[in-house]
Amino acid sequence: MKLLKHLFIGALFFTVSFSNAQVSVNLNIGTPPAWGPAGYADAHYYYLPDLEIYYDINASDYIYINSGKWLRSKRLPKKYGNYDLYNEYKVVLTDYRGNSPYDNYKTHKVKYGKGYKGKPQKTIGQKPGKGNNKEHKNNGHGNGKH
C-alpha cells in the first residue's frame, strides 16, 4: 500500500510538472507601427535619418539624444511634432540585436545622413485620412489611377 501511495504521488507530481511545462510563453513583443516599412517582421529598431533618432519596435519607444544623454520616450520629442513618419524614410536595422542601437550612432549618422533615401518603402498601414506611402501618393489631381 505504501508503494502504491508513493507511485500515486510520483505520478501526480510528474503530471503537474509536465502540464506546467506545456504552458506557452507569451513574450510582450511590440507590433511594428503602421508607419513602419512593410516586409521586416523580424526587425527590432528603425533609424530615422532626418531626425537622427531610433525607434525601438519591441518597446514602442523613440530613442534620442538630449544634452548628451540617450533618452527613451513613447512620443516623439516636441521639436519633431510636425514630422510625417509615414512619408519619411526609415532605415531598418536588421543586423543589430542589442539594447543600445545608439552605440552605432556615429556610423549610422554618416552612412544614413539627413535626406538619405534607400529603396522605395511601403508602409505597413495607411496614413490616417490619406493613401499609403510615397509610391502610391495621389497629388490631389485626377482620378488617382496610375
C-alpha atoms as a PDB file:
ATOM      1  CA  MET A   1       0.000   0.000   0.000  1.00  0.00           C
ATOM      2  CA  LYS A   2       2.863   2.350   0.821  1.00  0.00           C
ATOM      3  CA  LEU A   3       4.422   1.670  -2.588  1.00  0.00           C
ATOM      4  CA  LEU A   4       1.120   2.392  -4.306  1.00  0.00           C
ATOM      5  CA  LYS A   5       0.824   5.677  -2.383  1.00  0.00           C
ATOM      6  CA  HIS A   6       4.361   6.709  -3.432  1.00  0.00           C
ATOM      7  CA  LEU A   7       3.670   5.776  -7.055  1.00  0.00           C
ATOM      8  CA  PHE A   8       0.457   7.826  -6.997  1.00  0.00           C
ATOM      9  CA  ILE A   9       2.227  10.861  -5.515  1.00  0.00           C
ATOM     10  CA  GLY A  10       5.091  10.477  -8.003  1.00  0.00           C
ATOM     11  CA  ALA A  11       2.656  10.210 -10.921  1.00  0.00           C
ATOM     12  CA  LEU A  12       0.733  13.234  -9.662  1.00  0.00           C
ATOM     13  CA  PHE A  13       3.957  15.235  -9.292  1.00  0.00           C
ATOM     14  CA  PHE A  14       5.085  14.195 -12.777  1.00  0.00           C
ATOM     15  CA  THR A  15       1.702  15.109 -14.292  1.00  0.00           C
ATOM     16  CA  VAL A  16       1.662  18.534 -12.635  1.00  0.00           C
ATOM     17  CA  SER A  17       5.267  19.196 -13.675  1.00  0.00           C
ATOM     18  CA  PHE A  18       4.591  18.061 -17.222  1.00  0.00           C
ATOM     19  CA  SER A  19       1.417  20.168 -17.517  1.00  0.00           C
ATOM     20  CA  ASN A  20       3.312  23.261 -16.343  1.00  0.00           C
ATOM     21  CA  ALA A  21       5.964  22.579 -18.950  1.00  0.00           C
ATOM     22  CA  GLN A  22       3.284  22.711 -21.639  1.00  0.00           C
ATOM     23  CA  VAL A  23       2.283  26.282 -20.803  1.00  0.00           C
ATOM     24  CA  SER A  24       3.255  28.539 -23.663  1.00  0.00           C
ATOM     25  CA  VAL A  25       5.393  31.562 -23.018  1.00  0.00           C
ATOM     26  CA  ASN A  26       3.929  34.784 -24.354  1.00  0.00           C
ATOM     27  CA  LEU A  27       6.592  37.444 -24.737  1.00  0.00           C
ATOM     28  CA  ASN A  28       5.344  41.000 -24.984  1.00  0.00           C
ATOM     29  CA  ILE A  29       6.974  41.788 -28.300  1.00  0.00           C
ATOM     30  CA  GLY A  30       5.837  45.047 -29.797  1.00  0.00           C
ATOM     31  CA  THR A  31       3.933  45.342 -33.001  1.00  0.00           C
ATOM     32  CA  PRO A  32       5.561  47.484 -35.663  1.00  0.00           C
ATOM     33  CA  PRO A  33       3.831  50.851 -36.045  1.00  0.00           C
ATOM     34  CA  ALA A  34       1.548  51.469 -39.028  1.00  0.00           C
ATOM     35  CA  TRP A  35       4.119  53.981 -40.350  1.00  0.00           C
ATOM     36  CA  GLY A  36       6.858  51.331 -40.318  1.00  0.00           C
ATOM     37  CA  PRO A  37       8.149  49.881 -43.577  1.00  0.00           C
ATOM     38  CA  ALA A  38       6.437  46.665 -44.691  1.00  0.00           C
ATOM     39  CA  GLY A  39       8.387  43.428 -45.049  1.00  0.00           C
ATOM     40  CA  TYR A  40      10.554  43.499 -41.929  1.00  0.00           C
ATOM     41  CA  ALA A  41       8.706  41.419 -39.333  1.00  0.00           C
ATOM     42  CA  ASP A  42      11.925  40.424 -37.531  1.00  0.00           C
ATOM     43  CA  ALA A  43      13.329  43.949 -37.106  1.00  0.00           C
ATOM     44  CA  HIS A  44      13.897  45.433 -33.653  1.00  0.00           C
ATOM     45  CA  TYR A  45      14.935  49.008 -34.497  1.00  0.00           C
ATOM     46  CA  TYR A  46      14.448  51.692 -37.119  1.00  0.00           C
ATOM     47  CA  TYR A  47      16.843  54.583 -37.587  1.00  0.00           C
ATOM     48  CA  LEU A  48      15.166  57.803 -38.723  1.00  0.00           C
ATOM     49  CA  PRO A  49      17.907  59.663 -40.630  1.00  0.00           C
ATOM     50  CA  ASP A  50      16.136  63.023 -40.909  1.00  0.00           C
ATOM     51  CA  LEU A  51      15.703  63.143 -37.127  1.00  0.00           C
ATOM     52  CA  GLU A  52      18.851  61.209 -36.185  1.00  0.00           C
ATOM     53  CA  ILE A  53      16.866  59.100 -33.717  1.00  0.00           C
ATOM     54  CA  TYR A  54      15.931  55.440 -33.288  1.00  0.00           C
ATOM     55  CA  TYR A  55      12.627  53.677 -32.804  1.00  0.00           C
ATOM     56  CA  ASP A  56      12.507  50.513 -30.669  1.00  0.00           C
ATOM     57  CA  ILE A  57       9.715  48.371 -32.107  1.00  0.00           C
ATOM     58  CA  ASN A  58       9.503  45.943 -29.184  1.00  0.00           C
ATOM     59  CA  ALA A  59       9.253  48.695 -26.548  1.00  0.00           C
ATOM     60  CA  SER A  60       7.395  51.199 -28.768  1.00  0.00           C
ATOM     61  CA  ASP A  61       9.970  53.802 -27.728  1.00  0.00           C
ATOM     62  CA  TYR A  62      11.724  56.607 -29.544  1.00  0.00           C
ATOM     63  CA  ILE A  63      15.387  56.801 -28.576  1.00  0.00           C
ATOM     64  CA  TYR A  64      17.019  60.195 -28.979  1.00  0.00           C
ATOM     65  CA  ILE A  65      19.901  62.198 -27.647  1.00  0.00           C
ATOM     66  CA  ASN A  66      19.243  65.192 -25.406  1.00  0.00           C
ATOM     67  CA  SER A  67      22.014  67.157 -23.695  1.00  0.00           C
ATOM     68  CA  GLY A  68      24.475  64.356 -24.412  1.00  0.00           C
ATOM     69  CA  LYS A  69      22.311  61.574 -22.954  1.00  0.00           C
ATOM     70  CA  TRP A  70      20.234  58.993 -24.761  1.00  0.00           C
ATOM     71  CA  LEU A  71      16.601  59.044 -23.654  1.00  0.00           C
ATOM     72  CA  ARG A  72      13.607  56.836 -24.362  1.00  0.00           C
ATOM     73  CA  SER A  73      10.079  58.164 -24.836  1.00  0.00           C
ATOM     74  CA  LYS A  74       6.739  56.836 -26.069  1.00  0.00           C
ATOM     75  CA  ARG A  75       6.311  60.051 -28.052  1.00  0.00           C
ATOM     76  CA  LEU A  76       8.481  61.972 -30.451  1.00  0.00           C
ATOM     77  CA  PRO A  77      10.179  64.964 -28.853  1.00  0.00           C
ATOM     78  CA  LYS A  78       8.092  68.129 -29.306  1.00  0.00           C
ATOM     79  CA  LYS A  79      10.589  69.654 -31.714  1.00  0.00           C
ATOM     80  CA  TYR A  80       9.615  66.903 -34.206  1.00  0.00           C
ATOM     81  CA  GLY A  81       5.855  67.389 -33.756  1.00  0.00           C
ATOM     82  CA  ASN A  82       5.262  68.092 -37.458  1.00  0.00           C
ATOM     83  CA  TYR A  83       7.403  65.230 -38.716  1.00  0.00           C
ATOM     84  CA  ASP A  84       5.443  62.873 -41.004  1.00  0.00           C
ATOM     85  CA  LEU A  85       6.543  59.362 -40.105  1.00  0.00           C
ATOM     86  CA  TYR A  86       4.519  57.841 -42.957  1.00  0.00           C
ATOM     87  CA  ASN A  87       6.268  59.747 -45.717  1.00  0.00           C
ATOM     88  CA  GLU A  88       9.821  59.920 -44.443  1.00  0.00           C
ATOM     89  CA  TYR A  89      12.468  57.264 -44.899  1.00  0.00           C
ATOM     90  CA  LYS A  90      13.181  54.683 -42.187  1.00  0.00           C
ATOM     91  CA  VAL A  91      16.361  52.606 -42.115  1.00  0.00           C
ATOM     92  CA  VAL A  92      15.532  49.133 -40.799  1.00  0.00           C
ATOM     93  CA  LEU A  93      18.372  47.854 -38.618  1.00  0.00           C
ATOM     94  CA  THR A  94      18.165  44.122 -39.281  1.00  0.00           C
ATOM     95  CA  ASP A  95      21.676  43.270 -38.131  1.00  0.00           C
ATOM     96  CA  TYR A  96      21.591  44.705 -34.581  1.00  0.00           C
ATOM     97  CA  ARG A  97      20.245  42.676 -31.645  1.00  0.00           C
ATOM     98  CA  GLY A  98      21.409  44.582 -28.542  1.00  0.00           C
ATOM     99  CA  ASN A  99      19.623  47.126 -26.378  1.00  0.00           C
ATOM    100  CA  SER A 100      21.602  50.222 -27.378  1.00  0.00           C
ATOM    101  CA  PRO A 101      21.396  50.850 -31.134  1.00  0.00           C
ATOM    102  CA  TYR A 102      22.908  54.272 -30.494  1.00  0.00           C
ATOM    103  CA  ASP A 103      26.245  52.538 -29.864  1.00  0.00           C
ATOM    104  CA  ASN A 104      26.464  52.693 -33.683  1.00  0.00           C
ATOM    105  CA  TYR A 105      25.122  56.247 -33.918  1.00  0.00           C
ATOM    106  CA  LYS A 106      28.270  57.767 -35.415  1.00  0.00           C
ATOM    107  CA  THR A 107      28.279  55.152 -38.167  1.00  0.00           C
ATOM    108  CA  HIS A 108      24.541  55.500 -38.817  1.00  0.00           C
ATOM    109  CA  LYS A 109      24.757  59.293 -38.885  1.00  0.00           C
ATOM    110  CA  VAL A 110      27.431  59.165 -41.599  1.00  0.00           C
ATOM    111  CA  LYS A 111      26.072  56.195 -43.583  1.00  0.00           C
ATOM    112  CA  TYR A 112      22.458  57.413 -43.463  1.00  0.00           C
ATOM    113  CA  GLY A 113      22.758  61.209 -43.375  1.00  0.00           C
ATOM    114  CA  LYS A 114      19.815  63.585 -43.312  1.00  0.00           C
ATOM    115  CA  GLY A 115      17.873  63.250 -46.542  1.00  0.00           C
ATOM    116  CA  TYR A 116      19.008  59.615 -47.058  1.00  0.00           C
ATOM    117  CA  LYS A 117      16.742  57.570 -49.318  1.00  0.00           C
ATOM    118  CA  GLY A 118      17.259  53.882 -49.940  1.00  0.00           C
ATOM    119  CA  LYS A 119      14.973  51.624 -51.931  1.00  0.00           C
ATOM    120  CA  PRO A 120      11.291  52.690 -52.047  1.00  0.00           C
ATOM    121  CA  GLN A 121       9.290  51.788 -48.955  1.00  0.00           C
ATOM    122  CA  LYS A 122       5.674  50.865 -48.490  1.00  0.00           C
ATOM    123  CA  THR A 123       4.283  51.440 -45.012  1.00  0.00           C
ATOM    124  CA  ILE A 124       2.607  48.659 -43.039  1.00  0.00           C
ATOM    125  CA  GLY A 125      -0.593  50.651 -42.661  1.00  0.00           C
ATOM    126  CA  GLN A 126      -2.204  53.618 -44.300  1.00  0.00           C
ATOM    127  CA  LYS A 127      -1.704  57.134 -43.097  1.00  0.00           C
ATOM    128  CA  PRO A 128      -4.875  58.223 -41.325  1.00  0.00           C
ATOM    129  CA  GLY A 129      -7.054  60.073 -43.820  1.00  0.00           C
ATOM    130  CA  LYS A 130      -4.596  59.525 -46.681  1.00  0.00           C
ATOM    131  CA  GLY A 131      -3.429  56.912 -49.143  1.00  0.00           C
ATOM    132  CA  ASN A 132      -0.472  54.657 -48.433  1.00  0.00           C
ATOM    133  CA  ASN A 133       3.188  55.733 -48.860  1.00  0.00           C
ATOM    134  CA  LYS A 134       5.030  57.845 -51.380  1.00  0.00           C
ATOM    135  CA  GLU A 135       4.924  55.255 -54.153  1.00  0.00           C
ATOM    136  CA  HIS A 136       1.132  55.474 -54.411  1.00  0.00           C
ATOM    137  CA  LYS A 137       0.603  59.072 -53.371  1.00  0.00           C
ATOM    138  CA  ASN A 138      -2.108  60.950 -55.233  1.00  0.00           C
ATOM    139  CA  ASN A 139      -1.191  64.590 -55.699  1.00  0.00           C
ATOM    140  CA  GLY A 140      -4.824  65.634 -55.445  1.00  0.00           C
ATOM    141  CA  HIS A 141      -5.353  65.895 -59.230  1.00  0.00           C
ATOM    142  CA  GLY A 142      -7.117  63.436 -61.490  1.00  0.00           C
ATOM    143  CA  ASN A 143      -8.677  60.125 -60.524  1.00  0.00           C
ATOM    144  CA  GLY A 144      -5.737  58.671 -58.601  1.00  0.00           C
ATOM    145  CA  LYS A 145      -5.110  55.845 -61.107  1.00  0.00           C
ATOM    146  CA  HIS A 146      -1.530  55.051 -62.008  1.00  0.00           C
END
